[in-house]
Protein backbone atom coordinates (compact mmCIF):
# COMPACT_ATOMS: atom_id res chain seq x y z
CA UNK A 1 5.14 -10.96 -19.28
CA UNK A 2 3.95 -13.76 -17.38
CA UNK A 3 0.43 -14.62 -18.23
CA UNK A 4 -0.07 -16.49 -14.78
CA UNK A 5 0.98 -13.21 -12.93
CA UNK A 6 -1.81 -11.42 -11.48
CA UNK A 7 -2.41 -8.38 -9.28
CA UNK A 8 -2.79 -9.19 -5.54
CA UNK A 9 -5.39 -7.57 -3.33
CA UNK A 10 -4.84 -5.99 0.10
CA UNK A 11 -6.50 -9.10 1.43
CA UNK A 12 -4.25 -11.54 -0.33
CA UNK A 13 -1.14 -9.41 0.81
CA UNK A 14 -2.04 -9.76 4.45
CA UNK A 15 -2.61 -13.56 4.05
CA UNK A 16 -6.39 -13.34 4.51
CA UNK A 17 -6.01 -11.99 8.06
CA UNK A 18 -8.73 -9.76 9.25
CA UNK A 19 -8.12 -6.04 9.45
CA UNK A 20 -8.84 -6.04 13.17
CA UNK A 21 -8.09 -9.53 14.60
CA UNK A 22 -10.28 -11.05 17.26
CA UNK A 23 -8.35 -10.48 20.62
CA UNK A 24 -6.44 -7.57 19.12
CA UNK A 25 -6.02 -6.04 22.58
CA UNK A 26 -3.19 -8.58 23.24
CA UNK A 27 -1.17 -7.08 20.36
CA UNK A 28 -1.16 -3.59 21.93
CA UNK A 29 0.64 -1.81 24.63
CA UNK A 30 -1.19 -0.63 27.74
CA UNK A 31 -1.03 2.96 26.40
CA UNK A 32 -2.40 1.89 22.99
CA UNK A 33 -5.20 0.19 24.61
CA UNK A 34 -6.12 3.25 26.57
CA UNK A 35 -5.85 5.47 23.55
CA UNK A 36 -8.06 3.29 21.52
CA UNK A 37 -10.75 3.14 24.32
CA UNK A 38 -10.62 6.81 24.66
CA UNK A 39 -10.85 7.55 20.88
CA UNK A 40 -13.82 4.97 20.57
CA UNK A 41 -15.49 7.02 23.23
CA UNK A 42 -15.68 9.97 21.03
CA UNK A 43 -17.00 8.07 17.95
CA UNK A 44 -13.69 7.10 16.35
CA UNK A 45 -13.26 3.54 14.78
CA UNK A 46 -10.45 1.16 14.86
CA UNK A 47 -9.69 0.99 11.16
CA UNK A 48 -7.03 -1.71 11.09
CA UNK A 49 -4.01 -3.23 12.66
CA UNK A 50 -0.89 -4.11 10.51
CA UNK A 51 1.12 -6.80 11.80
CA UNK A 52 4.52 -6.56 9.97
CA UNK A 53 6.80 -9.51 10.60
CA UNK A 54 9.47 -8.52 13.07
CA UNK A 55 7.94 -5.15 13.87
CA UNK A 56 5.48 -3.69 16.38
CA UNK A 57 1.88 -3.64 15.17
CA UNK A 58 0.73 -0.43 13.41
CA UNK A 59 -2.65 0.54 14.93
CA UNK A 60 -4.80 2.78 12.86
CA UNK A 61 -8.02 4.64 13.94
CA UNK A 62 -10.36 6.70 11.89
CA UNK A 63 -12.03 9.97 13.40
CA UNK A 64 -15.43 11.20 12.59
CA UNK A 65 -14.12 13.30 9.71
CA UNK A 66 -12.68 10.12 8.07
CA UNK A 67 -9.10 11.24 8.77
CA UNK A 68 -6.75 8.35 9.71
CA UNK A 69 -4.50 8.37 12.94
CA UNK A 70 -1.93 5.89 13.98
CA UNK A 71 -1.80 5.12 17.72
CA UNK A 72 1.89 4.90 18.62
CA UNK A 73 3.45 2.52 21.18
CA UNK A 74 3.24 5.35 23.64
CA UNK A 75 -0.42 6.00 23.16
CA UNK A 76 0.20 9.25 21.22
CA UNK A 77 -1.66 9.87 18.01
CA UNK A 78 0.03 10.69 14.67
CA UNK A 79 -1.57 11.51 11.40
CA UNK A 80 -1.38 8.30 9.11
CA UNK A 81 -0.90 8.72 5.46
CA UNK A 82 0.35 5.31 4.29
CA UNK A 83 -2.94 3.75 3.33
CA UNK A 84 -1.47 1.63 0.47
CA UNK A 85 -4.49 2.55 -1.70
CA UNK A 86 -7.06 1.62 1.10
C-alpha cells in the first residue's frame, strides 16, 4: 500500500469548484432555469450542479422534505439517488 495515497474528498474530486457556481444560469437550458425558479418559489433549494466533462450539467434540487430531484434538460423532474455519499 502506498503511504502517500490518501482518500480524496468530494471537494477535491470536483477540483475545488463550488457546488453551485456563480452565474450558474448560463449552464442551464431555458427549461431548467424555469423549473429551478418554480421550485425555489415553493421552498426548494438548489443543492448542487455537477459539471462532468463532455456531458450536460446535472442539476439537483432538494425539496422541503429533503428529497433530492434532478432537473432534466427539458425541465422535467426525476428522483435523484446518486449522491456519492453526500
